[in-house]
C-alpha atoms as a PDB file:
ATOM      1  CA  MET A   1      13.027  25.580  18.292  1.00  0.00           C
ATOM      2  CA  PRO A   2      14.119  28.206  15.734  1.00  0.00           C
ATOM      3  CA  ALA A   3      16.411  27.337  12.869  1.00  0.00           C
ATOM      4  CA  PRO A   4      20.047  28.439  13.031  1.00  0.00           C
ATOM      5  CA  ALA A   5      20.709  31.713  11.235  1.00  0.00           C
ATOM      6  CA  ASP A   6      22.687  30.008   8.477  1.00  0.00           C
ATOM      7  CA  GLY A   7      19.500  28.375   7.139  1.00  0.00           C
ATOM      8  CA  ARG A   8      20.333  24.950   8.464  1.00  0.00           C
ATOM      9  CA  GLU A   9      17.818  22.670  10.168  1.00  0.00           C
ATOM     10  CA  GLY A  10      19.017  20.640  13.120  1.00  0.00           C
ATOM     11  CA  GLY A  11      22.608  20.924  11.915  1.00  0.00           C
ATOM     12  CA  ARG A  12      21.726  19.750   8.360  1.00  0.00           C
ATOM     13  CA  THR A  13      21.595  22.015   5.317  1.00  0.00           C
ATOM     14  CA  ARG A  14      18.090  22.166   3.851  1.00  0.00           C
ATOM     15  CA  THR A  15      18.024  21.220   0.146  1.00  0.00           C
ATOM     16  CA  THR A  16      15.477  20.897  -2.654  1.00  0.00           C
ATOM     17  CA  LYS A  17      15.415  17.172  -1.857  1.00  0.00           C
ATOM     18  CA  ASP A  18      13.688  18.158   1.403  1.00  0.00           C
ATOM     19  CA  ALA A  19      10.941  19.796  -0.649  1.00  0.00           C
ATOM     20  CA  GLU A  20      10.542  16.617  -2.708  1.00  0.00           C
ATOM     21  CA  ASN A  21      10.083  14.660   0.529  1.00  0.00           C
ATOM     22  CA  GLY A  22       7.228  16.873   1.667  1.00  0.00           C
ATOM     23  CA  HIS A  23       9.083  19.437   3.799  1.00  0.00           C
ATOM     24  CA  HIS A  24       7.846  22.969   3.381  1.00  0.00           C
ATOM     25  CA  LEU A  25       8.194  26.508   4.688  1.00  0.00           C
ATOM     26  CA  HIS A  26       6.168  27.376   7.745  1.00  0.00           C
ATOM     27  CA  GLN A  27       6.215  30.462   9.933  1.00  0.00           C
ATOM     28  CA  GLY A  28       6.402  28.621  13.220  1.00  0.00           C
ATOM     29  CA  ASN A  29       7.610  25.455  14.833  1.00  0.00           C
ATOM     30  CA  THR A  30       5.190  22.660  14.011  1.00  0.00           C
ATOM     31  CA  CYS A  31       3.264  22.047  10.798  1.00  0.00           C
ATOM     32  CA  PRO A  32      -0.341  20.927  11.487  1.00  0.00           C
ATOM     33  CA  PHE A  33      -0.567  18.838   8.305  1.00  0.00           C
ATOM     34  CA  PHE A  34       2.614  16.760   8.412  1.00  0.00           C
ATOM     35  CA  THR A  35       4.492  14.815  11.056  1.00  0.00           C
ATOM     36  CA  LYS A  36       7.737  16.614  10.141  1.00  0.00           C
ATOM     37  CA  THR A  37       8.804  19.683  12.084  1.00  0.00           C
ATOM     38  CA  ALA A  38       9.335  22.773   9.929  1.00  0.00           C
ATOM     39  CA  TYR A  39      11.407  25.848  10.603  1.00  0.00           C
ATOM     40  CA  ASP A  40      11.845  29.328   9.224  1.00  0.00           C
ATOM     41  CA  LEU A  41      14.597  29.688   6.658  1.00  0.00           C
ATOM     42  CA  THR A  42      16.984  32.585   6.370  1.00  0.00           C
ATOM     43  CA  ILE A  43      17.809  32.844   2.633  1.00  0.00           C
ATOM     44  CA  ASN A  44      18.430  35.731   0.287  1.00  0.00           C
ATOM     45  CA  THR A  45      16.376  36.643  -2.793  1.00  0.00           C
ATOM     46  CA  GLN A  46      18.713  34.909  -5.248  1.00  0.00           C
ATOM     47  CA  GLN A  47      18.619  31.662  -3.266  1.00  0.00           C
ATOM     48  CA  CYS A  48      14.825  31.881  -3.038  1.00  0.00           C
ATOM     49  CA  SER A  49      14.397  32.316  -6.813  1.00  0.00           C
ATOM     50  CA  ALA A  50      16.714  29.408  -7.584  1.00  0.00           C
ATOM     51  CA  PHE A  51      14.955  27.251  -4.995  1.00  0.00           C
ATOM     52  CA  PHE A  52      11.464  27.782  -6.385  1.00  0.00           C
ATOM     53  CA  ALA A  53      12.653  27.356  -9.976  1.00  0.00           C
ATOM     54  CA  THR A  54      13.971  23.924  -9.008  1.00  0.00           C
ATOM     55  CA  VAL A  55      10.726  23.115  -7.208  1.00  0.00           C
ATOM     56  CA  CYS A  56       8.693  23.962 -10.324  1.00  0.00           C
ATOM     57  CA  ASP A  57      11.005  21.843 -12.481  1.00  0.00           C
ATOM     58  CA  THR A  58      10.356  18.802 -10.270  1.00  0.00           C
ATOM     59  CA  GLY A  59       6.599  19.109 -10.676  1.00  0.00           C
ATOM     60  CA  HIS A  60       5.722  20.506  -7.259  1.00  0.00           C
ATOM     61  CA  LYS A  61       2.914  23.006  -6.847  1.00  0.00           C
ATOM     62  CA  PHE A  62       3.528  26.273  -5.033  1.00  0.00           C
ATOM     63  CA  PHE A  63       0.489  28.157  -3.796  1.00  0.00           C
ATOM     64  CA  PRO A  64       1.526  31.779  -3.080  1.00  0.00           C
ATOM     65  CA  ASN A  65      -1.806  32.619  -1.425  1.00  0.00           C
ATOM     66  CA  THR A  66      -1.557  29.999   1.291  1.00  0.00           C
ATOM     67  CA  PRO A  67      -1.247  31.250   4.871  1.00  0.00           C
ATOM     68  CA  HIS A  68       2.149  29.649   5.362  1.00  0.00           C
ATOM     69  CA  SER A  69       3.579  29.515   1.816  1.00  0.00           C
ATOM     70  CA  LEU A  70       3.275  25.758   1.505  1.00  0.00           C
ATOM     71  CA  ILE A  71       4.916  23.618  -1.159  1.00  0.00           C
ATOM     72  CA  MET A  72       2.605  20.692  -2.005  1.00  0.00           C
ATOM     73  CA  LYS A  73       2.843  17.645  -4.229  1.00  0.00           C
ATOM     74  CA  THR A  74      -0.257  15.708  -5.233  1.00  0.00           C
ATOM     75  CA  HIS A  75       0.034  11.950  -4.686  1.00  0.00           C
ATOM     76  CA  LEU A  76      -2.334   9.381  -6.188  1.00  0.00           C
ATOM     77  CA  TYR A  77      -3.147   6.355  -4.056  1.00  0.00           C
ATOM     78  CA  LEU A  78      -5.137   3.196  -4.706  1.00  0.00           C
ATOM     79  CA  SER A  79      -6.568   1.937  -1.441  1.00  0.00           C
ATOM     80  CA  LEU A  80      -7.279  -1.796  -1.305  1.00  0.00           C
ATOM     81  CA  SER A  81      -9.395  -1.862   1.835  1.00  0.00           C
ATOM     82  CA  PRO A  82     -11.819  -0.576   0.759  1.00  0.00           C
ATOM     83  CA  GLU A  83     -11.127  -0.058  -2.938  1.00  0.00           C
ATOM     84  CA  ALA A  84     -10.778   3.647  -3.694  1.00  0.00           C
ATOM     85  CA  LEU A  85      -8.765   6.090  -5.771  1.00  0.00           C
ATOM     86  CA  ILE A  86      -7.588   8.945  -3.552  1.00  0.00           C
ATOM     87  CA  ALA A  87      -5.535  12.082  -4.151  1.00  0.00           C
ATOM     88  CA  SER A  88      -3.592  13.528  -1.223  1.00  0.00           C
ATOM     89  CA  HIS A  89      -0.904  16.030  -0.353  1.00  0.00           C
ATOM     90  CA  LEU A  90       0.403  13.613   2.288  1.00  0.00           C
ATOM     91  CA  ALA A  91       3.485  11.498   1.612  1.00  0.00           C
ATOM     92  CA  PRO A  92       2.942   7.695   1.899  1.00  0.00           C
ATOM     93  CA  GLU A  93       4.023   7.381   5.544  1.00  0.00           C
ATOM     94  CA  ASP A  94       1.759  10.213   6.672  1.00  0.00           C
ATOM     95  CA  PHE A  95      -1.098   9.061   4.435  1.00  0.00           C
ATOM     96  CA  GLY A  96      -0.915   5.531   5.860  1.00  0.00           C
ATOM     97  CA  ALA A  97      -1.086   6.876   9.394  1.00  0.00           C
ATOM     98  CA  TYR A  98      -4.005   9.107   8.403  1.00  0.00           C
ATOM     99  CA  LEU A  99      -5.940   6.135   6.948  1.00  0.00           C
ATOM    100  CA  ALA A 100      -5.194   3.922   9.948  1.00  0.00           C
ATOM    101  CA  ILE A 101      -5.821   6.245  12.874  1.00  0.00           C
ATOM    102  CA  GLY A 102      -7.380   9.393  11.426  1.00  0.00           C
ATOM    103  CA  SER A 103      -6.311  12.981  11.959  1.00  0.00           C
ATOM    104  CA  ARG A 104      -7.414  12.981  15.611  1.00  0.00           C
ATOM    105  CA  HIS A 105      -6.259   9.452  16.495  1.00  0.00           C
ATOM    106  CA  HIS A 106      -9.845   8.429  17.276  1.00  0.00           C
ATOM    107  CA  SER A 107      -9.942   5.451  14.900  1.00  0.00           C
ATOM    108  CA  SER A 108      -7.858   2.336  14.383  1.00  0.00           C
ATOM    109  CA  GLY A 109      -7.664   0.015  11.417  1.00  0.00           C
ATOM    110  CA  GLN A 110      -5.328  -1.702   9.006  1.00  0.00           C
ATOM    111  CA  ALA A 111      -4.693   0.009   5.659  1.00  0.00           C
ATOM    112  CA  LEU A 112      -3.108  -1.247   2.420  1.00  0.00           C
ATOM    113  CA  PHE A 113      -2.565   1.006  -0.565  1.00  0.00           C
ATOM    114  CA  PHE A 114      -0.513   1.404  -3.731  1.00  0.00           C
ATOM    115  CA  GLU A 115       1.106   4.660  -4.763  1.00  0.00           C
ATOM    116  CA  LEU A 116       0.300   5.373  -8.416  1.00  0.00           C
ATOM    117  CA  ASP A 117       2.158   7.301 -11.073  1.00  0.00           C
ATOM    118  CA  PRO A 118       0.971  10.894 -10.407  1.00  0.00           C
ATOM    119  CA  ALA A 119       0.904  11.587 -14.150  1.00  0.00           C
ATOM    120  CA  TRP A 120      -1.443   8.680 -14.882  1.00  0.00           C
ATOM    121  CA  ARG A 121      -4.921   9.595 -16.093  1.00  0.00           C
ATOM    122  CA  THR A 122      -7.802   7.661 -17.640  1.00  0.00           C
ATOM    123  CA  ASP A 123     -11.004   8.685 -19.389  1.00  0.00           C
ATOM    124  CA  ALA A 124     -12.725   5.780 -17.612  1.00  0.00           C
ATOM    125  CA  ILE A 125     -12.738   7.885 -14.422  1.00  0.00           C
ATOM    126  CA  PRO A 126     -13.960  11.336 -15.533  1.00  0.00           C
ATOM    127  CA  GLN A 127     -13.396  12.892 -12.104  1.00  0.00           C
ATOM    128  CA  MET A 128      -9.623  12.623 -12.624  1.00  0.00           C
ATOM    129  CA  ALA A 129      -9.622  15.447 -15.175  1.00  0.00           C
ATOM    130  CA  ALA A 130     -10.065  18.136 -12.521  1.00  0.00           C
ATOM    131  CA  VAL A 131      -8.166  16.520  -9.663  1.00  0.00           C
ATOM    132  CA  GLU A 132      -5.400  19.157  -9.485  1.00  0.00           C
ATOM    133  CA  ALA A 133      -7.856  22.061  -9.422  1.00  0.00           C
ATOM    134  CA  ARG A 134      -9.903  20.417  -6.662  1.00  0.00           C
ATOM    135  CA  MET A 135      -6.982  19.554  -4.404  1.00  0.00           C
ATOM    136  CA  PRO A 136      -6.199  22.637  -2.285  1.00  0.00           C
ATOM    137  CA  HIS A 137      -8.727  23.758   0.299  1.00  0.00           C
ATOM    138  CA  ALA A 138     -10.370  27.141  -0.247  1.00  0.00           C
ATOM    139  CA  ASP A 139      -7.680  28.793   1.858  1.00  0.00           C
ATOM    140  CA  GLY A 140      -4.922  27.010  -0.085  1.00  0.00           C
ATOM    141  CA  SER A 141      -4.029  24.621   2.743  1.00  0.00           C
ATOM    142  CA  PRO A 142      -3.056  21.039   1.870  1.00  0.00           C
ATOM    143  CA  ARG A 143      -5.669  18.321   1.577  1.00  0.00           C
ATOM    144  CA  LYS A 144      -5.250  15.015   3.383  1.00  0.00           C
ATOM    145  CA  SER A 145      -7.583  13.106   1.068  1.00  0.00           C
ATOM    146  CA  ARG A 146      -9.756  13.736  -1.951  1.00  0.00           C
ATOM    147  CA  TYR A 147     -11.742  10.649  -2.963  1.00  0.00           C
ATOM    148  CA  ILE A 148     -11.889  10.433  -6.749  1.00  0.00           C
ATOM    149  CA  SER A 149     -13.626   7.072  -7.197  1.00  0.00           C
ATOM    150  CA  ILE A 150     -14.797   4.239  -4.932  1.00  0.00           C
ATOM    151  CA  TYR A 151     -16.022   1.733  -7.521  1.00  0.00           C
ATOM    152  CA  ARG A 152     -14.196  -0.466 -10.064  1.00  0.00           C
ATOM    153  CA  VAL A 153     -10.923   1.392  -9.729  1.00  0.00           C
ATOM    154  CA  LEU A 154      -8.269  -1.332  -9.982  1.00  0.00           C
ATOM    155  CA  GLU A 155      -9.490  -2.603 -13.352  1.00  0.00           C
ATOM    156  CA  HIS A 156      -8.718   0.790 -14.901  1.00  0.00           C
ATOM    157  CA  VAL A 157      -5.187   1.131 -13.507  1.00  0.00           C
ATOM    158  CA  PRO A 158      -2.519  -0.435 -15.767  1.00  0.00           C
ATOM    159  CA  LEU A 159       0.274  -2.385 -14.110  1.00  0.00           C
ATOM    160  CA  ASN A 160       2.913   0.106 -15.246  1.00  0.00           C
ATOM    161  CA  ALA A 161       1.150   2.895 -13.301  1.00  0.00           C
ATOM    162  CA  ILE A 162       1.238   0.940 -10.026  1.00  0.00           C
ATOM    163  CA  GLY A 163       4.167   1.794  -7.765  1.00  0.00           C
ATOM    164  CA  ASP A 164       5.163   0.811  -4.238  1.00  0.00           C
ATOM    165  CA  LEU A 165       2.792  -0.994  -1.877  1.00  0.00           C
ATOM    166  CA  HIS A 166       2.375   0.448   1.628  1.00  0.00           C
ATOM    167  CA  LEU A 167       1.136  -1.544   4.640  1.00  0.00           C
ATOM    168  CA  ALA A 168      -0.181   0.358   7.648  1.00  0.00           C
ATOM    169  CA  THR A 169      -0.739  -1.267  11.029  1.00  0.00           C
ATOM    170  CA  PRO A 170      -3.797  -0.322  13.112  1.00  0.00           C
ATOM    171  CA  ASP A 171      -1.690   2.142  15.111  1.00  0.00           C
ATOM    172  CA  GLY A 172      -0.441   3.917  11.992  1.00  0.00           C
ATOM    173  CA  ARG A 173       3.046   2.518  11.360  1.00  0.00           C
ATOM    174  CA  VAL A 174       3.819   2.051   7.659  1.00  0.00           C
ATOM    175  CA  LEU A 175       6.010  -0.480   5.828  1.00  0.00           C
ATOM    176  CA  SER A 176       6.735   0.194   2.149  1.00  0.00           C
ATOM    177  CA  LEU A 177       7.365  -2.641  -0.312  1.00  0.00           C
ATOM    178  CA  ALA A 178       8.842  -2.251  -3.784  1.00  0.00           C
ATOM    179  CA  ALA A 179       7.996  -4.580  -6.654  1.00  0.00           C
ATOM    180  CA  ALA A 180      10.608  -7.224  -7.420  1.00  0.00           C
ATOM    181  CA  GLU A 181      12.951  -6.343 -10.265  1.00  0.00           C
ATOM    182  CA  ALA A 182      12.675  -8.247 -13.517  1.00  0.00           C
ATOM    183  CA  GLY A 183      15.015 -11.218 -13.492  1.00  0.00           C
ATOM    184  CA  GLN A 184      14.679 -11.867  -9.754  1.00  0.00           C
ATOM    185  CA  PRO A 185      13.748 -15.435  -8.711  1.00  0.00           C
ATOM    186  CA  SER A 186      10.186 -16.407  -9.494  1.00  0.00           C
ATOM    187  CA  ALA A 187       7.521 -15.742  -6.900  1.00  0.00           C
ATOM    188  CA  ASP A 188       6.340 -19.327  -7.304  1.00  0.00           C
ATOM    189  CA  ASP A 189       7.655 -22.100  -5.047  1.00  0.00           C
ATOM    190  CA  ASP A 190       7.434 -25.858  -4.725  1.00  0.00           C
ATOM    191  CA  SER A 191       4.459 -25.964  -2.338  1.00  0.00           C
ATOM    192  CA  LEU A 192       1.716 -28.358  -3.351  1.00  0.00           C
ATOM    193  CA  HIS A 193      -1.071 -26.315  -1.776  1.00  0.00           C
ATOM    194  CA  HIS A 194      -1.657 -22.584  -1.523  1.00  0.00           C
ATOM    195  CA  LEU A 195      -3.824 -20.216   0.501  1.00  0.00           C
ATOM    196  CA  TYR A 196      -4.617 -16.797  -0.962  1.00  0.00           C
ATOM    197  CA  GLN A 197      -6.252 -13.696   0.451  1.00  0.00           C
ATOM    198  CA  GLU A 198      -7.800 -11.637  -2.327  1.00  0.00           C
ATOM    199  CA  TYR A 199      -7.910  -7.908  -1.544  1.00  0.00           C
ATOM    200  CA  CYS A 200      -9.308  -6.182  -4.579  1.00  0.00           C
ATOM    201  CA  PRO A 201     -11.757  -6.074  -6.291  1.00  0.00           C
ATOM    202  CA  ILE A 202     -13.186  -8.955  -4.202  1.00  0.00           C
ATOM    203  CA  ARG A 203     -12.153 -10.253  -0.773  1.00  0.00           C
ATOM    204  CA  PRO A 204     -12.640 -14.026  -0.446  1.00  0.00           C
ATOM    205  CA  ARG A 205      -9.997 -16.320   1.026  1.00  0.00           C
ATOM    206  CA  VAL A 206      -9.212 -19.095  -1.442  1.00  0.00           C
ATOM    207  CA  VAL A 207      -7.324 -22.403  -1.443  1.00  0.00           C
ATOM    208  CA  SER A 208      -5.657 -23.531  -4.643  1.00  0.00           C
ATOM    209  CA  MET A 209      -3.299 -25.957  -6.286  1.00  0.00           C
ATOM    210  CA  LEU A 210      -1.957 -23.110  -8.430  1.00  0.00           C
ATOM    211  CA  ALA A 211       1.207 -21.134  -7.621  1.00  0.00           C
ATOM    212  CA  PRO A 212       0.823 -17.314  -7.631  1.00  0.00           C
ATOM    213  CA  ALA A 213       1.507 -16.626 -11.331  1.00  0.00           C
ATOM    214  CA  ARG A 214      -0.819 -19.404 -12.508  1.00  0.00           C
ATOM    215  CA  PHE A 215      -3.447 -18.434  -9.940  1.00  0.00           C
ATOM    216  CA  CYS A 216      -3.453 -14.846 -11.235  1.00  0.00           C
ATOM    217  CA  ALA A 217      -3.662 -16.021 -14.854  1.00  0.00           C
ATOM    218  CA  HIS A 218      -6.566 -18.320 -13.958  1.00  0.00           C
ATOM    219  CA  ILE A 219      -8.616 -15.788 -11.987  1.00  0.00           C
ATOM    220  CA  THR A 220      -8.198 -13.063 -14.654  1.00  0.00           C
ATOM    221  CA  ASP A 221      -8.816 -15.316 -17.653  1.00  0.00           C
ATOM    222  CA  PRO A 222     -11.873 -14.001 -19.568  1.00  0.00           C
ATOM    223  CA  ALA A 223     -12.535 -17.539 -20.802  1.00  0.00           C
ATOM    224  CA  GLN A 224     -13.342 -18.644 -17.249  1.00  0.00           C
ATOM    225  CA  PRO A 225     -17.023 -18.499 -16.201  1.00  0.00           C
ATOM    226  CA  VAL A 226     -16.024 -16.423 -13.143  1.00  0.00           C
ATOM    227  CA  CYS A 227     -13.175 -13.938 -13.522  1.00  0.00           C
ATOM    228  CA  VAL A 228     -12.019 -10.392 -12.746  1.00  0.00           C
ATOM    229  CA  PRO A 229     -10.070  -8.081 -15.095  1.00  0.00           C
ATOM    230  CA  ARG A 230      -7.266  -7.442 -12.590  1.00  0.00           C
ATOM    231  CA  ILE A 231      -6.597  -8.650  -9.054  1.00  0.00           C
ATOM    232  CA  ALA A 232      -4.546  -7.797  -5.966  1.00  0.00           C
ATOM    233  CA  PHE A 233      -3.879 -10.634  -3.524  1.00  0.00           C
ATOM    234  CA  ALA A 234      -1.429 -12.091  -1.021  1.00  0.00           C
ATOM    235  CA  GLU A 235      -0.293 -15.627  -0.296  1.00  0.00           C
ATOM    236  CA  LEU A 236      -0.787 -16.764   3.303  1.00  0.00           C
ATOM    237  CA  THR A 237       1.186 -19.404   5.122  1.00  0.00           C
ATOM    238  CA  LEU A 238      -0.181 -22.947   5.427  1.00  0.00           C
ATOM    239  CA  GLY A 239       2.593 -24.317   7.589  1.00  0.00           C
ATOM    240  CA  ALA A 240       2.947 -28.069   7.251  1.00  0.00           C
ATOM    241  CA  LEU A 241      -0.335 -28.277   5.306  1.00  0.00           C
ATOM    242  CA  ALA A 242       1.418 -26.789   2.270  1.00  0.00           C
ATOM    243  CA  GLY A 243       3.047 -30.150   1.639  1.00  0.00           C
ATOM    244  CA  ASN A 244       1.165 -32.645   3.789  1.00  0.00           C
ATOM    245  CA  LEU A 245      -2.599 -32.599   4.313  1.00  0.00           C
ATOM    246  CA  ASP A 246      -2.280 -35.313   6.950  1.00  0.00           C
ATOM    247  CA  ALA A 247       0.057 -33.237   9.128  1.00  0.00           C
ATOM    248  CA  SER A 248      -0.818 -33.494  12.803  1.00  0.00           C
ATOM    249  CA  ALA A 249      -2.002 -30.565  14.866  1.00  0.00           C
ATOM    250  CA  ASP A 250       1.399 -30.482  16.568  1.00  0.00           C
ATOM    251  CA  ASP A 251       3.093 -30.057  13.171  1.00  0.00           C
ATOM    252  CA  LEU A 252       0.906 -27.145  12.103  1.00  0.00           C
ATOM    253  CA  GLY A 253       2.493 -24.677  14.486  1.00  0.00           C
ATOM    254  CA  ASN A 254       0.678 -21.469  15.279  1.00  0.00           C
ATOM    255  CA  LEU A 255      -1.728 -21.152  12.352  1.00  0.00           C
ATOM    256  CA  PRO A 256      -4.183 -18.421  13.450  1.00  0.00           C
ATOM    257  CA  TYR A 257      -7.065 -19.433  11.184  1.00  0.00           C
ATOM    258  CA  ALA A 258     -10.489 -20.425  12.428  1.00  0.00           C
ATOM    259  CA  GLY A 259     -11.783 -23.761  11.161  1.00  0.00           C
ATOM    260  CA  ILE A 260      -8.588 -25.752  10.535  1.00  0.00           C
ATOM    261  CA  VAL A 261     -10.698 -28.859   9.814  1.00  0.00           C
ATOM    262  CA  HIS A 262     -12.597 -26.974   7.100  1.00  0.00           C
ATOM    263  CA  LEU A 263      -9.317 -25.642   5.708  1.00  0.00           C
ATOM    264  CA  ARG A 264      -7.915 -29.166   5.501  1.00  0.00           C
ATOM    265  CA  ASP A 265     -11.092 -30.438   3.798  1.00  0.00           C
ATOM    266  CA  CYS A 266     -11.013 -27.675   1.173  1.00  0.00           C
ATOM    267  CA  LEU A 267      -7.358 -28.338   0.408  1.00  0.00           C
ATOM    268  CA  ARG A 268      -8.079 -32.010   0.036  1.00  0.00           C
ATOM    269  CA  GLU A 269     -10.976 -31.299  -2.350  1.00  0.00           C
ATOM    270  CA  VAL A 270      -8.877 -29.204  -4.782  1.00  0.00           C
ATOM    271  CA  SER A 271      -6.033 -31.738  -4.621  1.00  0.00           C
ATOM    272  CA  GLU A 272      -8.396 -34.537  -5.682  1.00  0.00           C
ATOM    273  CA  ARG A 273     -10.147 -32.609  -8.477  1.00  0.00           C
ATOM    274  CA  PRO A 274      -7.880 -31.488 -11.347  1.00  0.00           C
ATOM    275  CA  ASP A 275     -10.877 -29.752 -12.953  1.00  0.00           C
ATOM    276  CA  LYS A 276     -11.271 -27.478  -9.914  1.00  0.00           C
ATOM    277  CA  PRO A 277      -7.906 -25.886  -9.041  1.00  0.00           C
ATOM    278  CA  THR A 278      -9.384 -23.286  -6.652  1.00  0.00           C
ATOM    279  CA  LYS A 279     -12.047 -23.246  -3.951  1.00  0.00           C
ATOM    280  CA  VAL A 280     -13.401 -20.463  -1.764  1.00  0.00           C
ATOM    281  CA  LEU A 281     -12.560 -21.064   1.884  1.00  0.00           C
ATOM    282  CA  VAL A 282     -14.177 -17.913   3.317  1.00  0.00           C
ATOM    283  CA  ARG A 283     -16.521 -15.842   1.146  1.00  0.00           C
ATOM    284  CA  ASN A 284     -15.551 -12.458   2.558  1.00  0.00           C
ATOM    285  CA  ILE A 285     -12.911 -11.400   5.076  1.00  0.00           C
ATOM    286  CA  SER A 286     -14.061  -8.320   6.964  1.00  0.00           C
ATOM    287  CA  ASP A 287     -11.399  -8.404   9.700  1.00  0.00           C
ATOM    288  CA  ASN A 288      -7.748  -7.398   9.474  1.00  0.00           C
ATOM    289  CA  VAL A 289      -5.471  -9.946   7.805  1.00  0.00           C
ATOM    290  CA  LEU A 290      -2.547 -10.672  10.118  1.00  0.00           C
ATOM    291  CA  TYR A 291       0.654  -9.488   8.471  1.00  0.00           C
ATOM    292  CA  ARG A 292       2.565 -12.275  10.186  1.00  0.00           C
ATOM    293  CA  THR A 293       0.632 -14.800   8.076  1.00  0.00           C
ATOM    294  CA  ILE A 294       1.899 -13.362   4.760  1.00  0.00           C
ATOM    295  CA  LYS A 295       4.065 -15.982   3.106  1.00  0.00           C
ATOM    296  CA  GLY A 296       5.719 -14.942  -0.151  1.00  0.00           C
ATOM    297  CA  GLY A 297       4.352 -11.435  -0.406  1.00  0.00           C
ATOM    298  CA  PHE A 298       1.697  -9.467  -2.249  1.00  0.00           C
ATOM    299  CA  TYR A 299       0.757  -9.574  -5.922  1.00  0.00           C
ATOM    300  CA  VAL A 300      -1.174  -7.539  -8.448  1.00  0.00           C
ATOM    301  CA  GLY A 301      -1.755  -8.857 -11.932  1.00  0.00           C
ATOM    302  CA  ASP A 302      -3.914  -9.389 -14.991  1.00  0.00           C
ATOM    303  CA  PRO A 303      -3.639 -11.411 -18.217  1.00  0.00           C
ATOM    304  CA  THR A 304      -0.685  -9.254 -19.319  1.00  0.00           C
ATOM    305  CA  GLY A 305       1.541  -9.916 -16.325  1.00  0.00           C
ATOM    306  CA  LEU A 306       2.113 -10.058 -12.575  1.00  0.00           C
ATOM    307  CA  LYS A 307       3.887  -7.709 -10.164  1.00  0.00           C
ATOM    308  CA  HIS A 308       5.292  -9.284  -7.010  1.00  0.00           C
ATOM    309  CA  TYR A 309       5.963  -7.345  -3.799  1.00  0.00           C
ATOM    310  CA  PRO A 310       8.136  -9.657  -1.671  1.00  0.00           C
ATOM    311  CA  MET A 311       7.559  -9.593   2.072  1.00  0.00           C
ATOM    312  CA  PRO A 312      10.780  -9.279   4.079  1.00  0.00           C
ATOM    313  CA  THR A 313      11.718 -12.267   6.206  1.00  0.00           C
ATOM    314  CA  ARG A 314      10.914 -12.158   9.903  1.00  0.00           C
ATOM    315  CA  THR A 315      14.612 -11.673  10.642  1.00  0.00           C
ATOM    316  CA  GLU A 316      14.744  -8.684   8.283  1.00  0.00           C
ATOM    317  CA  LEU A 317      11.539  -7.235   9.720  1.00  0.00           C
ATOM    318  CA  ASP A 318      12.846  -7.478  13.265  1.00  0.00           C
ATOM    319  CA  ALA A 319      16.240  -6.003  12.366  1.00  0.00           C
ATOM    320  CA  LYS A 320      15.297  -3.283   9.858  1.00  0.00           C
ATOM    321  CA  HIS A 321      11.637  -2.499  10.596  1.00  0.00           C
ATOM    322  CA  HIS A 322      11.419  -3.368  14.275  1.00  0.00           C
ATOM    323  CA  ALA A 323       8.780  -0.825  15.328  1.00  0.00           C
ATOM    324  CA  TRP A 324       6.478  -1.763  12.429  1.00  0.00           C
ATOM    325  CA  TRP A 325       6.970  -5.490  13.061  1.00  0.00           C
ATOM    326  CA  GLN A 326       6.196  -5.241  16.767  1.00  0.00           C
ATOM    327  CA  SER A 327       3.058  -3.278  15.947  1.00  0.00           C
ATOM    328  CA  ALA A 328       2.048  -5.929  13.380  1.00  0.00           C
ATOM    329  CA  LEU A 329       2.608  -8.739  15.895  1.00  0.00           C
ATOM    330  CA  ASN A 330       0.369  -6.994  18.412  1.00  0.00           C
ATOM    331  CA  SER A 331      -2.493  -6.576  15.922  1.00  0.00           C
ATOM    332  CA  PHE A 332      -5.591  -8.737  15.989  1.00  0.00           C
ATOM    333  CA  GLY A 333      -7.267 -10.278  12.955  1.00  0.00           C
ATOM    334  CA  GLY A 334      -7.828 -13.497  11.080  1.00  0.00           C
END
């Protein structure tokens, strides 16, 4: 479908904002690297010069030797499963689909990743110094992923460089979560017992008497015999067990965890031992974590602070993110 002669795309004037969102010029109908459809533009020389000047001002990279005159922006992503620092020319929605199902749709798997400040750099990861030069393929075409580091990444990323969290379902649908603004209600609640899934740098499932902020402070405290420098985790629902360890099976609802008896025993142990506020329930979770079990949201923190990414309510998910929510409900995991 060719573009109208006035340079409009589907009845909408194309702007520099389209370039910032990953749209680009392409001599044809469908771009092989993005899910968006691209069209030829009819613009004069003056418009073209002004357009590319604006693109350069916004930090985009233009590669004049590419086959299709692509405009590309390098994104930095921190994957949580598994832990990895990745550079990509794909926007978050396309990158999440790429991680979940691959470029040929031959794979399927859950993916969770943070978008990082693209200007952030650290000497602790030497490979970052040449990331821009290594990004385009030899022919100048965009790169879906360039792995920069796969070991001890999170500990080197400061909280202020961590942006939105993106959750991809096994069929490639992506939900983006922003961190709560300062001054919003605390992420902690009045539950007596808590269940946490740690994502990075370790992946045990843990029961605790500590609310999220105190749990993060405890697990990242260098004075503790076992600690990590920084941690990403989520709180999972406990149903009636959050307030009553003697709740009957009928009161628990549809808790999808294996070993409910073991879960109850572990919760009882931490509740009876003030000197042991946490206990490992499962040493390592290798399966997908069901998104429907997320309670308050996701967290990333260290001794300096905690960022909270609230999970929308089920009503909000069904109303505003219906396709993603239905995909999440149809996923299998533990």
